[in-house]
Amino acid sequence: MTKKVLPLTIGLLAISFLRAQEISPSPSASATPARAVRISFVPPPLEGKVSLGVYNEWGQLVRVLHQEAEFDEFTIGADALSTKWDGKDDYDYDLPAGKYSARGFLVAPMKIEQISQTDEAVFIDPAPPVRIKLVANPLENNERPTIDLVAGYDDDSTYIQTLDGLPLVTVSKLDKSSEVAVVLDLERDKSLNMLVRTAVTREFRITGITKMMAFDCGQFELK
């Protein structure tokens, strides 16, 4: 009796093992290792907030890394501030390996005031970029740089941004209107005027916009 039971038991175990292999899912491929690039810079000698972008080798903005950030949002080293970039764009997609660069602006506090509001429908014409000459950054030994600014907005707010899309200064909060239009103009006294049209049309005056310093973090390799 024992001799008959033993082969039968071994056979059943073998069948169970083969079935388990068929049912068990194969191991999944290991996840792609996280890519992290350390970006550091010496902040310009100016009180304010930092907006920092990552650019591809063609000079296109691919990631807004920091928008109006305080210094304590960075890692503070002995002689520089640093941050990390995960190699993704603004839509959370991995970017291809290659050469990238980072640069940004330190923006001093400025005065933003609403000067009018109307319930009447106001047609807003597209306007050319506003060209502004900034304060020179003494750490980079360059002349006063010139940048082009335009109005921008997202789901939550309107802001002044560079022509390539880096937000610099929040101007107003937005309601949940389905239609938004914004435009930026330069006044004779060097202040900026922004019209924001949602359910109502509001007008804002921004003064002190030239109190910004540009800085460059240099080029780096994404692997």
Protein backbone atom coordinates (compact mmCIF):
# COMPACT_ATOMS: atom_id res chain seq x y z
CA MET A 1 0.00 0.00 0.00
CA THR A 2 2.82 2.43 0.89
CA LYS A 3 4.58 1.89 -2.46
CA LYS A 4 1.40 2.87 -4.37
CA VAL A 5 0.63 5.98 -2.29
CA LEU A 6 4.12 7.53 -2.56
CA PRO A 7 4.26 7.78 -6.40
CA LEU A 8 0.69 9.10 -6.41
CA THR A 9 1.57 11.80 -3.86
CA ILE A 10 4.66 12.88 -5.81
CA GLY A 11 2.60 13.06 -9.01
CA LEU A 12 -0.04 15.26 -7.39
CA LEU A 13 2.63 17.59 -6.03
CA ALA A 14 4.21 17.91 -9.48
CA ILE A 15 0.85 18.76 -11.09
CA SER A 16 0.13 21.36 -8.37
CA PHE A 17 3.55 22.96 -8.93
CA LEU A 18 3.03 23.21 -12.70
CA ARG A 19 -0.43 24.73 -12.25
CA ALA A 20 0.93 27.26 -9.76
CA GLN A 21 3.53 28.32 -12.31
CA GLU A 22 0.83 28.83 -14.94
CA ILE A 23 -1.39 30.86 -12.59
CA SER A 24 1.31 32.96 -10.89
CA PRO A 25 2.10 36.17 -12.79
CA SER A 26 5.63 36.59 -14.04
CA PRO A 27 7.75 39.17 -12.17
CA SER A 28 7.25 42.69 -13.51
CA ALA A 29 10.16 44.64 -14.95
CA SER A 30 11.95 46.79 -12.41
CA ALA A 31 10.98 50.47 -12.42
CA THR A 32 13.25 52.96 -14.14
CA PRO A 33 15.65 54.43 -11.58
CA ALA A 34 14.75 57.97 -10.55
CA ARG A 35 16.81 60.65 -12.28
CA ALA A 36 17.81 63.60 -10.15
CA VAL A 37 19.95 66.53 -11.25
CA ARG A 38 21.30 68.91 -8.64
CA ILE A 39 21.06 72.56 -9.66
CA SER A 40 22.85 75.22 -7.65
CA PHE A 41 23.28 78.97 -7.92
CA VAL A 42 24.48 81.96 -5.95
CA PRO A 43 21.43 84.18 -5.34
CA PRO A 44 21.76 87.80 -6.48
CA PRO A 45 22.16 90.37 -3.68
CA LEU A 46 18.51 91.35 -3.59
CA GLU A 47 15.59 90.59 -1.30
CA GLY A 48 12.73 88.85 -3.05
CA LYS A 49 11.42 85.58 -4.45
CA VAL A 50 12.93 83.18 -6.97
CA SER A 51 11.46 81.89 -10.22
CA LEU A 52 13.61 79.22 -11.86
CA GLY A 53 13.17 77.32 -15.13
CA VAL A 54 14.86 74.42 -16.92
CA TYR A 55 15.57 74.82 -20.64
CA ASN A 56 16.52 72.35 -23.36
CA GLU A 57 19.49 72.79 -25.69
CA TRP A 58 17.34 74.88 -28.07
CA GLY A 59 16.52 77.37 -25.31
CA GLN A 60 12.91 76.24 -24.86
CA LEU A 61 11.43 76.26 -21.36
CA VAL A 62 10.60 72.64 -20.46
CA ARG A 63 9.97 72.89 -16.72
CA VAL A 64 8.98 75.63 -14.28
CA LEU A 65 11.01 74.33 -11.37
CA HIS A 66 10.21 77.11 -8.89
CA GLN A 67 7.65 79.91 -9.08
CA GLU A 68 7.94 82.84 -6.65
CA ALA A 69 9.80 80.62 -4.19
CA GLU A 70 11.21 81.73 -0.85
CA PHE A 71 14.86 81.00 -0.05
CA ASP A 72 13.88 78.36 2.52
CA GLU A 73 12.37 76.25 -0.28
CA PHE A 74 15.94 75.56 -1.45
CA THR A 75 18.76 73.65 0.19
CA ILE A 76 21.00 76.32 1.71
CA GLY A 77 24.69 75.53 1.38
CA ALA A 78 27.81 77.36 2.51
CA ASP A 79 28.04 79.45 -0.65
CA ALA A 80 24.99 78.65 -2.79
CA LEU A 81 21.35 77.61 -2.91
CA SER A 82 20.52 74.29 -4.54
CA THR A 83 17.51 72.33 -5.70
CA LYS A 84 16.83 69.09 -7.57
CA TRP A 85 15.20 68.37 -10.91
CA ASP A 86 13.69 64.94 -11.56
CA GLY A 87 14.15 65.05 -15.33
CA LYS A 88 10.44 65.59 -16.01
CA ASP A 89 8.59 68.34 -17.83
CA ASP A 90 5.62 70.35 -16.54
CA TYR A 91 3.26 67.51 -17.54
CA ASP A 92 5.21 64.89 -15.53
CA TYR A 93 6.67 63.19 -18.62
CA ASP A 94 10.28 62.01 -18.63
CA LEU A 95 12.46 64.13 -20.90
CA PRO A 96 15.14 62.55 -23.11
CA ALA A 97 18.75 62.43 -21.99
CA GLY A 98 20.87 65.32 -23.17
CA LYS A 99 22.14 68.77 -22.31
CA TYR A 100 19.92 71.17 -20.38
CA SER A 101 20.40 74.46 -18.57
CA ALA A 102 18.67 76.40 -15.82
CA ARG A 103 18.23 80.11 -15.28
CA GLY A 104 15.92 82.36 -13.40
CA PHE A 105 15.13 85.66 -11.75
CA LEU A 106 15.10 87.04 -8.24
CA VAL A 107 12.10 89.38 -8.08
CA ALA A 108 11.92 92.09 -5.42
CA PRO A 109 8.57 92.96 -3.80
CA MET A 110 6.51 95.31 -5.92
CA LYS A 111 3.30 97.26 -5.55
CA ILE A 112 0.20 95.73 -7.16
CA GLU A 113 -3.09 97.60 -6.89
CA GLN A 114 -6.48 97.20 -8.52
CA ILE A 115 -7.49 100.56 -9.95
CA SER A 116 -10.81 99.79 -11.64
CA GLN A 117 -13.53 97.20 -12.19
CA THR A 118 -16.51 97.09 -14.54
CA ASP A 119 -19.30 94.64 -15.28
CA GLU A 120 -19.40 95.78 -18.90
CA ALA A 121 -17.95 93.54 -21.59
CA VAL A 122 -14.51 94.82 -22.56
CA PHE A 123 -12.79 93.63 -25.72
CA ILE A 124 -9.10 92.96 -25.06
CA ASP A 125 -6.80 93.29 -28.05
CA PRO A 126 -3.64 91.17 -28.15
CA ALA A 127 -0.61 93.29 -27.27
CA PRO A 128 3.08 92.95 -28.10
CA PRO A 129 5.49 91.94 -25.32
CA VAL A 130 6.62 94.63 -22.90
CA ARG A 131 10.39 95.13 -22.98
CA ILE A 132 11.97 95.87 -19.59
CA LYS A 133 15.57 96.61 -18.62
CA LEU A 134 16.45 94.93 -15.32
CA VAL A 135 18.89 95.74 -12.54
CA ALA A 136 22.33 94.32 -13.32
CA ASN A 137 23.46 91.34 -11.24
CA PRO A 138 26.89 92.32 -9.82
CA LEU A 139 27.80 88.65 -9.31
CA GLU A 140 27.71 87.98 -13.04
CA ASN A 141 29.55 91.12 -14.17
CA ASN A 142 27.13 91.80 -16.98
CA GLU A 143 25.25 94.83 -18.21
CA ARG A 144 21.62 95.43 -17.36
CA PRO A 145 19.78 92.64 -19.18
CA THR A 146 16.62 93.27 -21.19
CA ILE A 147 13.68 90.85 -21.09
CA ASP A 148 10.28 90.68 -22.78
CA LEU A 149 7.25 90.24 -20.53
CA VAL A 150 3.67 89.20 -21.25
CA ALA A 151 0.54 88.47 -19.23
CA GLY A 152 -0.28 84.85 -18.40
CA TYR A 153 -2.74 82.84 -16.37
CA ASP A 154 -3.56 79.35 -15.13
CA ASP A 155 -6.57 77.86 -13.34
CA ASP A 156 -5.90 79.83 -10.16
CA SER A 157 -4.27 83.16 -10.93
CA THR A 158 -3.00 85.72 -13.40
CA TYR A 159 0.67 86.68 -13.50
CA ILE A 160 3.44 88.42 -15.35
CA GLN A 161 5.70 85.97 -17.15
CA THR A 162 8.67 85.99 -19.47
CA LEU A 163 7.98 85.62 -23.18
CA ASP A 164 9.10 81.97 -23.01
CA GLY A 165 6.60 81.22 -20.22
CA LEU A 166 8.38 81.51 -16.85
CA PRO A 167 5.95 83.06 -14.30
CA LEU A 168 7.50 85.86 -12.25
CA VAL A 169 4.83 87.80 -10.33
CA THR A 170 1.27 86.86 -9.37
CA VAL A 171 -1.10 89.76 -10.02
CA SER A 172 -4.56 88.45 -9.10
CA LYS A 173 -6.54 85.37 -8.15
CA LEU A 174 -9.11 83.97 -10.56
CA ASP A 175 -12.63 82.78 -9.96
CA LYS A 176 -13.94 79.69 -11.75
CA SER A 177 -14.89 81.58 -14.89
CA SER A 178 -14.79 79.57 -18.10
CA GLU A 179 -13.39 82.49 -20.11
CA VAL A 180 -10.27 84.44 -19.22
CA ALA A 181 -8.41 87.11 -21.17
CA VAL A 182 -5.38 89.08 -19.99
CA VAL A 183 -3.18 91.74 -21.52
CA LEU A 184 -0.15 93.71 -20.32
CA ASP A 185 0.84 97.26 -21.28
CA LEU A 186 3.71 99.58 -20.35
CA GLU A 187 2.76 103.03 -19.11
CA ARG A 188 4.78 106.22 -19.61
CA ASP A 189 5.89 106.22 -15.97
CA LYS A 190 7.40 102.71 -16.48
CA SER A 191 4.63 101.04 -14.48
CA LEU A 192 2.71 98.13 -15.97
CA ASN A 193 -1.02 97.96 -16.56
CA MET A 194 -2.82 94.61 -16.70
CA LEU A 195 -6.41 94.06 -17.79
CA VAL A 196 -8.03 90.84 -16.56
CA ARG A 197 -11.38 89.89 -18.07
CA THR A 198 -13.50 87.13 -16.53
CA ALA A 199 -17.15 87.66 -15.57
CA VAL A 200 -16.03 91.22 -14.83
CA THR A 201 -13.07 93.24 -16.10
CA ARG A 202 -10.48 94.42 -13.60
CA GLU A 203 -7.53 96.72 -14.16
CA PHE A 204 -4.30 96.49 -12.15
CA ARG A 205 -1.26 98.75 -11.89
CA ILE A 206 2.12 97.16 -11.12
CA THR A 207 5.06 99.34 -10.10
CA GLY A 208 8.65 98.35 -9.41
CA ILE A 209 8.81 95.70 -12.14
CA THR A 210 12.41 96.58 -13.04
CA LYS A 211 13.58 95.50 -9.57
CA MET A 212 14.61 92.06 -10.74
CA MET A 213 17.98 90.40 -11.18
CA ALA A 214 18.68 87.56 -13.59
CA PHE A 215 20.97 84.64 -12.72
CA ASP A 216 22.31 81.64 -14.61
CA CYS A 217 22.80 78.13 -13.20
CA GLY A 218 24.80 76.91 -16.20
CA GLN A 219 24.50 73.77 -18.29
CA PHE A 220 24.22 70.16 -17.10
CA GLU A 221 23.68 66.66 -18.43
CA LEU A 222 20.51 64.61 -17.94
CA LYS A 223 21.27 60.89 -18.21
